[in-house]
N, C-alpha and C. Protein backbone atom coordinates (compact mmCIF):
# COMPACT_ATOMS: atom_id res chain seq x y z
N MET A 1 -19.67 18.11 -19.18
CA MET A 1 -18.30 17.85 -18.79
C MET A 1 -17.49 17.54 -20.06
N SER A 2 -16.35 18.16 -20.20
CA SER A 2 -15.49 17.93 -21.35
C SER A 2 -15.07 16.47 -21.43
N SER A 3 -15.02 15.94 -22.64
CA SER A 3 -14.64 14.53 -22.79
C SER A 3 -13.18 14.30 -22.39
N TRP A 4 -12.33 15.29 -22.56
CA TRP A 4 -10.93 15.15 -22.13
C TRP A 4 -10.84 15.10 -20.60
N PHE A 5 -11.62 15.96 -19.96
CA PHE A 5 -11.64 15.95 -18.49
C PHE A 5 -12.22 14.63 -17.99
N LEU A 6 -13.26 14.13 -18.65
CA LEU A 6 -13.86 12.86 -18.26
C LEU A 6 -12.85 11.72 -18.37
N LEU A 7 -12.07 11.70 -19.45
CA LEU A 7 -11.03 10.69 -19.62
C LEU A 7 -10.01 10.78 -18.50
N PHE A 8 -9.55 12.00 -18.20
CA PHE A 8 -8.59 12.20 -17.11
C PHE A 8 -9.20 11.76 -15.79
N TYR A 9 -10.43 12.16 -15.52
CA TYR A 9 -11.10 11.86 -14.26
C TYR A 9 -11.26 10.35 -14.05
N GLU A 10 -11.70 9.64 -15.08
CA GLU A 10 -11.90 8.19 -14.94
C GLU A 10 -10.57 7.49 -14.65
N PHE A 11 -9.51 7.88 -15.33
CA PHE A 11 -8.22 7.24 -15.07
C PHE A 11 -7.60 7.74 -13.78
N PHE A 12 -7.94 8.94 -13.36
CA PHE A 12 -7.51 9.43 -12.05
C PHE A 12 -8.10 8.53 -10.96
N LYS A 13 -9.39 8.19 -11.07
CA LYS A 13 -10.03 7.31 -10.09
C LYS A 13 -9.38 5.93 -10.09
N ILE A 14 -9.08 5.42 -11.28
CA ILE A 14 -8.42 4.11 -11.36
C ILE A 14 -7.06 4.18 -10.69
N GLY A 15 -6.29 5.21 -10.97
CA GLY A 15 -4.97 5.38 -10.37
C GLY A 15 -5.03 5.55 -8.86
N LEU A 16 -6.09 6.17 -8.39
CA LEU A 16 -6.23 6.43 -6.96
C LEU A 16 -6.61 5.17 -6.17
N PHE A 17 -7.44 4.32 -6.75
CA PHE A 17 -7.98 3.18 -6.00
C PHE A 17 -7.40 1.83 -6.39
N SER A 18 -6.62 1.72 -7.43
CA SER A 18 -6.07 0.42 -7.81
C SER A 18 -4.69 0.22 -7.18
N VAL A 19 -4.70 -0.12 -5.92
CA VAL A 19 -3.47 -0.34 -5.17
C VAL A 19 -2.96 -1.73 -5.51
N GLY A 20 -1.71 -1.85 -5.91
CA GLY A 20 -1.13 -3.16 -6.15
C GLY A 20 -0.58 -3.37 -7.54
N GLY A 21 -0.58 -2.38 -8.38
CA GLY A 21 0.02 -2.54 -9.68
C GLY A 21 -0.98 -2.66 -10.81
N GLY A 22 -0.46 -2.98 -11.98
CA GLY A 22 -1.26 -3.00 -13.21
C GLY A 22 -2.41 -3.98 -13.20
N LEU A 23 -2.20 -5.17 -12.67
CA LEU A 23 -3.28 -6.14 -12.65
C LEU A 23 -4.43 -5.69 -11.76
N ALA A 24 -4.13 -4.88 -10.77
CA ALA A 24 -5.19 -4.38 -9.89
C ALA A 24 -6.09 -3.38 -10.61
N THR A 25 -5.66 -2.87 -11.76
CA THR A 25 -6.50 -1.95 -12.52
C THR A 25 -7.57 -2.68 -13.32
N LEU A 26 -7.41 -3.98 -13.53
CA LEU A 26 -8.34 -4.71 -14.40
C LEU A 26 -9.80 -4.65 -13.96
N PRO A 27 -10.13 -4.87 -12.69
CA PRO A 27 -11.55 -4.77 -12.34
C PRO A 27 -12.13 -3.38 -12.65
N PHE A 28 -11.33 -2.35 -12.48
CA PHE A 28 -11.79 -1.00 -12.78
C PHE A 28 -11.96 -0.81 -14.29
N LEU A 29 -11.06 -1.41 -15.07
CA LEU A 29 -11.17 -1.28 -16.52
C LEU A 29 -12.41 -2.01 -17.05
N TYR A 30 -12.74 -3.15 -16.45
CA TYR A 30 -13.96 -3.86 -16.87
C TYR A 30 -15.19 -3.01 -16.60
N LYS A 31 -15.21 -2.35 -15.45
CA LYS A 31 -16.35 -1.46 -15.15
C LYS A 31 -16.38 -0.26 -16.09
N LEU A 32 -15.20 0.24 -16.44
CA LEU A 32 -15.12 1.36 -17.38
C LEU A 32 -15.63 0.94 -18.76
N ALA A 33 -15.33 -0.30 -19.16
CA ALA A 33 -15.81 -0.81 -20.45
C ALA A 33 -17.33 -0.89 -20.47
N ASP A 34 -17.94 -1.22 -19.33
CA ASP A 34 -19.40 -1.26 -19.25
C ASP A 34 -20.01 0.14 -19.28
N LYS A 35 -19.28 1.10 -18.72
CA LYS A 35 -19.82 2.46 -18.55
C LYS A 35 -19.73 3.30 -19.83
N TYR A 36 -18.64 3.15 -20.59
CA TYR A 36 -18.41 3.96 -21.78
C TYR A 36 -18.13 3.05 -22.98
N ASP A 37 -18.23 3.60 -24.16
CA ASP A 37 -17.96 2.81 -25.36
C ASP A 37 -16.54 3.04 -25.89
N TRP A 38 -15.63 3.37 -25.01
CA TRP A 38 -14.25 3.61 -25.41
C TRP A 38 -13.55 2.32 -25.84
N PHE A 39 -13.91 1.21 -25.24
CA PHE A 39 -13.34 -0.09 -25.55
C PHE A 39 -14.30 -1.14 -25.01
N SER A 40 -14.10 -2.39 -25.41
CA SER A 40 -14.99 -3.47 -24.95
C SER A 40 -14.27 -4.33 -23.93
N GLN A 41 -15.05 -5.15 -23.23
CA GLN A 41 -14.44 -6.06 -22.25
C GLN A 41 -13.53 -7.07 -22.94
N THR A 42 -13.88 -7.46 -24.15
CA THR A 42 -13.03 -8.39 -24.90
C THR A 42 -11.67 -7.76 -25.20
N MET A 43 -11.67 -6.46 -25.45
CA MET A 43 -10.42 -5.76 -25.74
C MET A 43 -9.50 -5.74 -24.53
N VAL A 44 -10.05 -5.85 -23.32
CA VAL A 44 -9.22 -5.81 -22.11
C VAL A 44 -8.24 -6.98 -22.12
N ALA A 45 -8.72 -8.18 -22.47
CA ALA A 45 -7.82 -9.34 -22.52
C ALA A 45 -6.71 -9.14 -23.55
N ASN A 46 -7.06 -8.56 -24.69
CA ASN A 46 -6.04 -8.27 -25.71
C ASN A 46 -5.06 -7.22 -25.21
N MET A 47 -5.58 -6.23 -24.49
CA MET A 47 -4.70 -5.19 -23.94
C MET A 47 -3.73 -5.78 -22.92
N VAL A 48 -4.21 -6.72 -22.11
CA VAL A 48 -3.34 -7.36 -21.12
C VAL A 48 -2.22 -8.10 -21.85
N ALA A 49 -2.58 -8.85 -22.89
CA ALA A 49 -1.56 -9.60 -23.64
C ALA A 49 -0.53 -8.68 -24.26
N VAL A 50 -0.97 -7.61 -24.88
CA VAL A 50 -0.04 -6.66 -25.52
C VAL A 50 0.77 -5.94 -24.45
N SER A 51 0.10 -5.51 -23.37
CA SER A 51 0.79 -4.76 -22.31
C SER A 51 1.82 -5.61 -21.60
N GLU A 52 1.55 -6.90 -21.44
CA GLU A 52 2.52 -7.79 -20.81
C GLU A 52 3.72 -8.03 -21.73
N SER A 53 3.50 -7.91 -23.03
CA SER A 53 4.57 -8.18 -23.99
C SER A 53 5.41 -6.96 -24.31
N THR A 54 4.95 -5.79 -23.94
CA THR A 54 5.68 -4.56 -24.25
C THR A 54 6.35 -4.01 -23.00
N PRO A 55 7.41 -3.24 -23.19
CA PRO A 55 8.08 -2.67 -22.01
C PRO A 55 7.18 -1.66 -21.31
N GLY A 56 7.35 -1.56 -20.02
CA GLY A 56 6.60 -0.59 -19.24
C GLY A 56 5.58 -1.26 -18.35
N PRO A 57 5.09 -0.51 -17.38
CA PRO A 57 4.10 -1.05 -16.45
C PRO A 57 2.78 -1.36 -17.16
N LEU A 58 2.14 -2.42 -16.74
CA LEU A 58 0.91 -2.90 -17.35
C LEU A 58 -0.20 -1.84 -17.32
N GLY A 59 -0.45 -1.26 -16.16
CA GLY A 59 -1.52 -0.27 -16.03
C GLY A 59 -1.28 0.94 -16.91
N VAL A 60 -0.05 1.40 -16.96
CA VAL A 60 0.28 2.57 -17.78
C VAL A 60 0.10 2.24 -19.26
N ASN A 61 0.55 1.06 -19.67
CA ASN A 61 0.39 0.66 -21.07
C ASN A 61 -1.08 0.60 -21.46
N MET A 62 -1.92 0.05 -20.56
CA MET A 62 -3.33 -0.07 -20.88
C MET A 62 -4.00 1.31 -20.89
N ALA A 63 -3.65 2.18 -19.96
CA ALA A 63 -4.21 3.54 -19.97
C ALA A 63 -3.81 4.27 -21.24
N THR A 64 -2.58 4.12 -21.65
CA THR A 64 -2.11 4.76 -22.87
C THR A 64 -2.87 4.22 -24.09
N TYR A 65 -3.06 2.92 -24.14
CA TYR A 65 -3.77 2.30 -25.26
C TYR A 65 -5.23 2.78 -25.32
N ILE A 66 -5.91 2.76 -24.18
CA ILE A 66 -7.31 3.18 -24.14
C ILE A 66 -7.42 4.66 -24.48
N GLY A 67 -6.52 5.47 -23.93
CA GLY A 67 -6.52 6.89 -24.26
C GLY A 67 -6.30 7.13 -25.73
N PHE A 68 -5.41 6.34 -26.33
CA PHE A 68 -5.16 6.47 -27.77
C PHE A 68 -6.39 6.07 -28.57
N GLN A 69 -7.06 5.00 -28.15
CA GLN A 69 -8.29 4.57 -28.82
C GLN A 69 -9.34 5.68 -28.73
N PHE A 70 -9.38 6.35 -27.60
CA PHE A 70 -10.38 7.39 -27.35
C PHE A 70 -10.09 8.66 -28.13
N GLY A 71 -8.84 9.12 -28.10
CA GLY A 71 -8.57 10.43 -28.69
C GLY A 71 -7.20 10.61 -29.28
N GLY A 72 -6.60 9.54 -29.80
CA GLY A 72 -5.31 9.67 -30.45
C GLY A 72 -4.19 9.96 -29.45
N PRO A 73 -3.10 10.57 -29.91
CA PRO A 73 -1.95 10.82 -29.02
C PRO A 73 -2.30 11.69 -27.81
N LEU A 74 -3.14 12.70 -27.99
CA LEU A 74 -3.53 13.54 -26.87
C LEU A 74 -4.33 12.73 -25.84
N GLY A 75 -5.21 11.88 -26.29
CA GLY A 75 -5.96 11.01 -25.39
C GLY A 75 -5.06 10.07 -24.63
N ALA A 76 -4.01 9.56 -25.30
CA ALA A 76 -3.05 8.67 -24.64
C ALA A 76 -2.33 9.40 -23.51
N VAL A 77 -1.94 10.63 -23.77
CA VAL A 77 -1.24 11.42 -22.75
C VAL A 77 -2.17 11.74 -21.59
N ILE A 78 -3.40 12.12 -21.89
CA ILE A 78 -4.35 12.50 -20.83
C ILE A 78 -4.70 11.30 -19.96
N ALA A 79 -4.97 10.14 -20.56
CA ALA A 79 -5.32 8.94 -19.77
C ALA A 79 -4.14 8.50 -18.92
N THR A 80 -2.95 8.52 -19.48
CA THR A 80 -1.76 8.12 -18.73
C THR A 80 -1.49 9.09 -17.58
N ALA A 81 -1.63 10.39 -17.86
CA ALA A 81 -1.44 11.39 -16.79
C ALA A 81 -2.48 11.21 -15.69
N GLY A 82 -3.71 10.93 -16.07
CA GLY A 82 -4.76 10.70 -15.08
C GLY A 82 -4.45 9.50 -14.19
N LEU A 83 -3.94 8.44 -14.79
CA LEU A 83 -3.60 7.24 -14.02
C LEU A 83 -2.42 7.49 -13.07
N LEU A 84 -1.43 8.23 -13.53
CA LEU A 84 -0.21 8.42 -12.75
C LEU A 84 -0.30 9.54 -11.72
N PHE A 85 -1.14 10.52 -11.95
CA PHE A 85 -1.21 11.70 -11.09
C PHE A 85 -1.45 11.35 -9.62
N PRO A 86 -2.43 10.50 -9.28
CA PRO A 86 -2.63 10.19 -7.85
C PRO A 86 -1.41 9.55 -7.20
N SER A 87 -0.75 8.68 -7.92
CA SER A 87 0.43 8.01 -7.36
C SER A 87 1.54 9.01 -7.06
N VAL A 88 1.77 9.91 -7.99
CA VAL A 88 2.83 10.90 -7.81
C VAL A 88 2.52 11.78 -6.60
N VAL A 89 1.29 12.26 -6.51
CA VAL A 89 0.91 13.13 -5.39
C VAL A 89 1.01 12.37 -4.07
N ILE A 90 0.49 11.16 -4.04
CA ILE A 90 0.52 10.36 -2.81
C ILE A 90 1.95 10.06 -2.38
N ILE A 91 2.81 9.71 -3.32
CA ILE A 91 4.21 9.41 -3.00
C ILE A 91 4.91 10.65 -2.43
N ILE A 92 4.65 11.80 -3.01
CA ILE A 92 5.26 13.04 -2.50
C ILE A 92 4.79 13.32 -1.08
N ILE A 93 3.50 13.16 -0.83
CA ILE A 93 2.96 13.41 0.51
C ILE A 93 3.51 12.39 1.51
N ILE A 94 3.51 11.14 1.12
CA ILE A 94 4.00 10.09 2.03
C ILE A 94 5.47 10.28 2.34
N SER A 95 6.25 10.63 1.34
CA SER A 95 7.69 10.80 1.59
C SER A 95 7.97 11.91 2.60
N LYS A 96 7.09 12.90 2.63
CA LYS A 96 7.28 14.01 3.59
C LYS A 96 6.98 13.56 5.03
N PHE A 97 6.02 12.66 5.18
CA PHE A 97 5.58 12.29 6.52
C PHE A 97 6.10 10.93 6.99
N LEU A 98 6.49 10.08 6.07
CA LEU A 98 6.85 8.71 6.46
C LEU A 98 8.08 8.67 7.36
N GLN A 99 9.02 9.54 7.15
CA GLN A 99 10.21 9.55 8.00
C GLN A 99 9.84 9.80 9.46
N LYS A 100 8.83 10.67 9.68
CA LYS A 100 8.40 10.95 11.05
C LYS A 100 7.67 9.77 11.67
N PHE A 101 6.86 9.10 10.84
CA PHE A 101 5.96 8.07 11.37
C PHE A 101 6.40 6.65 11.02
N ARG A 102 7.62 6.47 10.60
CA ARG A 102 8.10 5.17 10.16
C ARG A 102 7.95 4.10 11.23
N ASP A 103 8.17 4.43 12.47
CA ASP A 103 8.09 3.45 13.55
C ASP A 103 6.74 3.45 14.26
N ASN A 104 5.79 4.21 13.78
CA ASN A 104 4.46 4.28 14.38
C ASN A 104 3.71 2.98 14.11
N SER A 105 3.12 2.40 15.16
CA SER A 105 2.42 1.12 15.02
C SER A 105 1.17 1.25 14.14
N HIS A 106 0.53 2.39 14.15
CA HIS A 106 -0.67 2.59 13.32
C HIS A 106 -0.32 2.56 11.83
N VAL A 107 0.79 3.18 11.48
CA VAL A 107 1.24 3.16 10.09
C VAL A 107 1.56 1.74 9.67
N SER A 108 2.25 1.00 10.51
CA SER A 108 2.55 -0.40 10.21
C SER A 108 1.28 -1.22 10.06
N ASP A 109 0.29 -0.96 10.92
CA ASP A 109 -0.98 -1.68 10.85
C ASP A 109 -1.72 -1.40 9.54
N VAL A 110 -1.70 -0.15 9.10
CA VAL A 110 -2.38 0.20 7.85
C VAL A 110 -1.74 -0.54 6.68
N PHE A 111 -0.41 -0.55 6.62
CA PHE A 111 0.27 -1.27 5.54
C PHE A 111 0.00 -2.77 5.64
N TYR A 112 -0.08 -3.29 6.84
CA TYR A 112 -0.39 -4.71 7.03
C TYR A 112 -1.81 -5.03 6.55
N MET A 113 -2.76 -4.12 6.80
CA MET A 113 -4.14 -4.35 6.39
C MET A 113 -4.33 -4.18 4.88
N LEU A 114 -3.48 -3.44 4.22
CA LEU A 114 -3.58 -3.27 2.77
C LEU A 114 -3.20 -4.54 2.01
N ARG A 115 -2.37 -5.37 2.58
CA ARG A 115 -1.91 -6.57 1.87
C ARG A 115 -3.04 -7.46 1.40
N PRO A 116 -4.03 -7.83 2.25
CA PRO A 116 -5.12 -8.68 1.74
C PRO A 116 -5.95 -8.01 0.65
N ALA A 117 -6.14 -6.70 0.76
CA ALA A 117 -6.91 -5.99 -0.27
C ALA A 117 -6.18 -6.03 -1.61
N VAL A 118 -4.88 -5.80 -1.57
CA VAL A 118 -4.08 -5.85 -2.80
C VAL A 118 -4.09 -7.26 -3.37
N THR A 119 -3.94 -8.26 -2.51
CA THR A 119 -3.97 -9.65 -2.96
C THR A 119 -5.31 -9.97 -3.61
N GLY A 120 -6.40 -9.50 -3.01
CA GLY A 120 -7.73 -9.73 -3.58
C GLY A 120 -7.90 -9.07 -4.94
N LEU A 121 -7.43 -7.84 -5.08
CA LEU A 121 -7.53 -7.15 -6.37
C LEU A 121 -6.74 -7.87 -7.45
N ILE A 122 -5.53 -8.31 -7.11
CA ILE A 122 -4.70 -9.01 -8.09
C ILE A 122 -5.30 -10.37 -8.42
N ALA A 123 -5.83 -11.09 -7.43
CA ALA A 123 -6.46 -12.39 -7.68
C ALA A 123 -7.69 -12.23 -8.57
N THR A 124 -8.49 -11.19 -8.32
CA THR A 124 -9.66 -10.93 -9.16
C THR A 124 -9.24 -10.65 -10.59
N ALA A 125 -8.21 -9.86 -10.75
CA ALA A 125 -7.72 -9.55 -12.09
C ALA A 125 -7.21 -10.80 -12.79
N GLY A 126 -6.46 -11.63 -12.09
CA GLY A 126 -5.97 -12.87 -12.67
C GLY A 126 -7.10 -13.79 -13.07
N PHE A 127 -8.11 -13.90 -12.22
CA PHE A 127 -9.27 -14.74 -12.51
C PHE A 127 -10.01 -14.22 -13.74
N SER A 128 -10.14 -12.90 -13.85
CA SER A 128 -10.81 -12.31 -15.01
C SER A 128 -10.04 -12.59 -16.29
N VAL A 129 -8.72 -12.50 -16.22
CA VAL A 129 -7.91 -12.79 -17.41
C VAL A 129 -8.07 -14.25 -17.82
N ILE A 130 -8.07 -15.17 -16.85
CA ILE A 130 -8.25 -16.59 -17.16
C ILE A 130 -9.62 -16.82 -17.79
N LEU A 131 -10.66 -16.21 -17.23
CA LEU A 131 -12.00 -16.38 -17.81
C LEU A 131 -12.06 -15.87 -19.24
N ASP A 132 -11.45 -14.71 -19.49
CA ASP A 132 -11.49 -14.14 -20.85
C ASP A 132 -10.60 -14.91 -21.82
N ALA A 133 -9.47 -15.41 -21.34
CA ALA A 133 -8.51 -16.04 -22.23
C ALA A 133 -8.85 -17.49 -22.55
N ILE A 134 -9.41 -18.22 -21.61
CA ILE A 134 -9.62 -19.66 -21.80
C ILE A 134 -11.08 -20.01 -22.02
N PHE A 135 -11.97 -19.29 -21.37
CA PHE A 135 -13.39 -19.61 -21.47
C PHE A 135 -14.12 -18.51 -22.24
N HIS A 136 -15.13 -18.87 -22.96
CA HIS A 136 -15.93 -17.92 -23.71
C HIS A 136 -17.13 -17.52 -22.85
N VAL A 137 -16.86 -16.71 -21.83
CA VAL A 137 -17.91 -16.35 -20.86
C VAL A 137 -19.02 -15.52 -21.48
N ASN A 138 -18.75 -14.86 -22.61
CA ASN A 138 -19.80 -14.09 -23.27
C ASN A 138 -20.86 -14.98 -23.89
N LYS A 139 -20.58 -16.28 -24.05
CA LYS A 139 -21.55 -17.22 -24.61
C LYS A 139 -22.34 -17.96 -23.54
N ILE A 140 -22.12 -17.64 -22.29
CA ILE A 140 -22.72 -18.43 -21.21
C ILE A 140 -24.25 -18.38 -21.23
N THR A 141 -24.84 -17.30 -21.72
CA THR A 141 -26.30 -17.23 -21.78
C THR A 141 -26.86 -18.05 -22.94
N GLN A 142 -26.01 -18.39 -23.90
CA GLN A 142 -26.45 -19.14 -25.07
C GLN A 142 -26.15 -20.63 -24.94
N ILE A 143 -25.62 -21.05 -23.82
CA ILE A 143 -25.18 -22.44 -23.66
C ILE A 143 -26.38 -23.35 -23.42
N SER A 144 -26.37 -24.44 -24.14
CA SER A 144 -27.33 -25.52 -23.89
C SER A 144 -26.53 -26.80 -23.72
N VAL A 145 -27.22 -27.88 -23.45
CA VAL A 145 -26.53 -29.16 -23.26
C VAL A 145 -25.80 -29.55 -24.53
N ASP A 146 -26.37 -29.24 -25.67
CA ASP A 146 -25.78 -29.64 -26.95
C ASP A 146 -24.47 -28.91 -27.25
N ASN A 147 -24.39 -27.64 -26.90
CA ASN A 147 -23.19 -26.87 -27.24
C ASN A 147 -22.40 -26.43 -26.01
N PHE A 148 -22.43 -27.22 -24.95
CA PHE A 148 -21.73 -26.90 -23.71
C PHE A 148 -20.23 -26.73 -23.95
N LEU A 149 -19.67 -27.54 -24.83
CA LEU A 149 -18.23 -27.47 -25.09
C LEU A 149 -17.81 -26.16 -25.76
N SER A 150 -18.78 -25.45 -26.37
CA SER A 150 -18.42 -24.17 -26.99
C SER A 150 -18.05 -23.13 -25.94
N LEU A 151 -18.36 -23.40 -24.67
CA LEU A 151 -17.96 -22.49 -23.60
C LEU A 151 -16.45 -22.46 -23.42
N PHE A 152 -15.80 -23.56 -23.75
CA PHE A 152 -14.36 -23.68 -23.57
C PHE A 152 -13.64 -23.34 -24.87
N GLY A 153 -12.59 -22.56 -24.77
CA GLY A 153 -11.73 -22.31 -25.91
C GLY A 153 -10.72 -23.44 -26.00
N VAL A 154 -10.97 -24.40 -26.85
CA VAL A 154 -10.14 -25.60 -26.92
C VAL A 154 -8.71 -25.24 -27.27
N LYS A 155 -8.53 -24.39 -28.28
CA LYS A 155 -7.17 -23.99 -28.66
C LYS A 155 -6.48 -23.27 -27.51
N GLU A 156 -7.21 -22.41 -26.82
CA GLU A 156 -6.64 -21.66 -25.71
C GLU A 156 -6.25 -22.59 -24.56
N CYS A 157 -7.09 -23.58 -24.28
CA CYS A 157 -6.79 -24.54 -23.21
C CYS A 157 -5.55 -25.37 -23.55
N ILE A 158 -5.44 -25.77 -24.81
CA ILE A 158 -4.26 -26.54 -25.24
C ILE A 158 -3.01 -25.69 -25.12
N LEU A 159 -3.07 -24.43 -25.58
CA LEU A 159 -1.92 -23.54 -25.47
C LEU A 159 -1.55 -23.33 -24.00
N PHE A 160 -2.54 -23.13 -23.14
CA PHE A 160 -2.29 -22.95 -21.71
C PHE A 160 -1.58 -24.19 -21.14
N ALA A 161 -2.07 -25.37 -21.47
CA ALA A 161 -1.48 -26.61 -20.95
C ALA A 161 -0.05 -26.79 -21.45
N VAL A 162 0.18 -26.50 -22.72
CA VAL A 162 1.53 -26.65 -23.29
C VAL A 162 2.50 -25.67 -22.63
N ILE A 163 2.11 -24.40 -22.51
CA ILE A 163 2.99 -23.40 -21.89
C ILE A 163 3.23 -23.74 -20.43
N LEU A 164 2.19 -24.19 -19.72
CA LEU A 164 2.35 -24.58 -18.32
C LEU A 164 3.33 -25.74 -18.19
N PHE A 165 3.21 -26.72 -19.08
CA PHE A 165 4.13 -27.86 -19.07
C PHE A 165 5.57 -27.40 -19.35
N LEU A 166 5.73 -26.55 -20.36
CA LEU A 166 7.07 -26.08 -20.73
C LEU A 166 7.72 -25.26 -19.62
N THR A 167 6.94 -24.43 -18.95
CA THR A 167 7.52 -23.62 -17.88
C THR A 167 7.96 -24.48 -16.70
N ASN A 168 7.26 -25.56 -16.47
CA ASN A 168 7.65 -26.46 -15.38
C ASN A 168 8.78 -27.40 -15.77
N LYS A 169 8.87 -27.73 -17.06
CA LYS A 169 9.89 -28.68 -17.53
C LYS A 169 11.24 -28.00 -17.78
N PHE A 170 11.21 -26.82 -18.38
CA PHE A 170 12.45 -26.14 -18.77
C PHE A 170 12.57 -24.82 -18.03
N ASN A 171 13.75 -24.52 -17.58
CA ASN A 171 14.00 -23.31 -16.80
C ASN A 171 14.46 -22.19 -17.74
N LYS A 172 13.49 -21.63 -18.49
CA LYS A 172 13.79 -20.52 -19.40
C LYS A 172 13.22 -19.23 -18.81
N HIS A 173 13.69 -18.13 -19.32
CA HIS A 173 13.21 -16.82 -18.89
C HIS A 173 11.74 -16.68 -19.29
N PRO A 174 10.89 -16.03 -18.45
CA PRO A 174 9.47 -15.87 -18.79
C PRO A 174 9.22 -15.15 -20.12
N VAL A 175 10.12 -14.26 -20.52
CA VAL A 175 9.96 -13.57 -21.80
C VAL A 175 9.96 -14.57 -22.95
N PHE A 176 10.72 -15.64 -22.83
CA PHE A 176 10.75 -16.69 -23.84
C PHE A 176 9.36 -17.28 -24.03
N TYR A 177 8.68 -17.59 -22.93
CA TYR A 177 7.35 -18.19 -23.01
C TYR A 177 6.30 -17.18 -23.46
N ILE A 178 6.47 -15.92 -23.09
CA ILE A 178 5.56 -14.88 -23.57
C ILE A 178 5.69 -14.75 -25.08
N ALA A 179 6.93 -14.78 -25.58
CA ALA A 179 7.15 -14.69 -27.03
C ALA A 179 6.55 -15.89 -27.75
N ILE A 180 6.71 -17.08 -27.19
CA ILE A 180 6.12 -18.28 -27.80
C ILE A 180 4.61 -18.16 -27.84
N GLY A 181 4.01 -17.78 -26.71
CA GLY A 181 2.57 -17.62 -26.65
C GLY A 181 2.05 -16.58 -27.63
N ALA A 182 2.77 -15.45 -27.73
CA ALA A 182 2.38 -14.40 -28.65
C ALA A 182 2.48 -14.87 -30.10
N ALA A 183 3.57 -15.56 -30.44
CA ALA A 183 3.75 -16.07 -31.80
C ALA A 183 2.66 -17.07 -32.16
N ILE A 184 2.37 -17.99 -31.26
CA ILE A 184 1.33 -18.99 -31.53
C ILE A 184 -0.03 -18.31 -31.66
N GLY A 185 -0.30 -17.35 -30.78
CA GLY A 185 -1.56 -16.62 -30.87
C GLY A 185 -1.73 -15.87 -32.18
N ILE A 186 -0.64 -15.29 -32.68
CA ILE A 186 -0.69 -14.57 -33.95
C ILE A 186 -0.84 -15.53 -35.11
N ILE A 187 -0.05 -16.60 -35.10
CA ILE A 187 -0.08 -17.56 -36.20
C ILE A 187 -1.44 -18.23 -36.31
N PHE A 188 -1.99 -18.67 -35.20
CA PHE A 188 -3.25 -19.41 -35.22
C PHE A 188 -4.46 -18.52 -34.95
N ALA A 189 -4.26 -17.22 -34.82
CA ALA A 189 -5.33 -16.22 -34.68
C ALA A 189 -6.28 -16.49 -33.54
N PHE A 190 -5.71 -16.57 -32.33
CA PHE A 190 -6.57 -16.67 -31.13
C PHE A 190 -5.95 -15.95 -29.99
């Protein structure tokens, strides 16, 4: 199988099954990191941080980044096209039929049943980001009683607490706090 087709196919599957937006793609990206050597699981947390800080949808930004890592500009285009293709096709098909079935109780029931699945995917993604950002889960097999505290990223926990306090204390735009977090992360290299 051609490596370009494989890249398109893997992101096509992610685009097809990650209902709920960019964060819903994270569980699929973690599995992709285990399956191929295109990127590591540690890179996923960095991609989330960069993708949240840059304009555009999170999933598209991450697909573009991974595709670029894999095969330069052409890889970026192929991965992004693979991610977006299922959505475009599905939206076109749904738009043709939804007007007819808009008041159908079965259609309403399907959309109602999708909500918990989407919530679960997003919650899983959020939990994974917290584990990667604050805890050093890759060291969990090396933990003993003596170095238990090495499981926690002390700097990351302090930054999390400070940003959480600031967001609750001051009513600033979220981009302000993202910029502060990014600047602190760059300055202190974490």
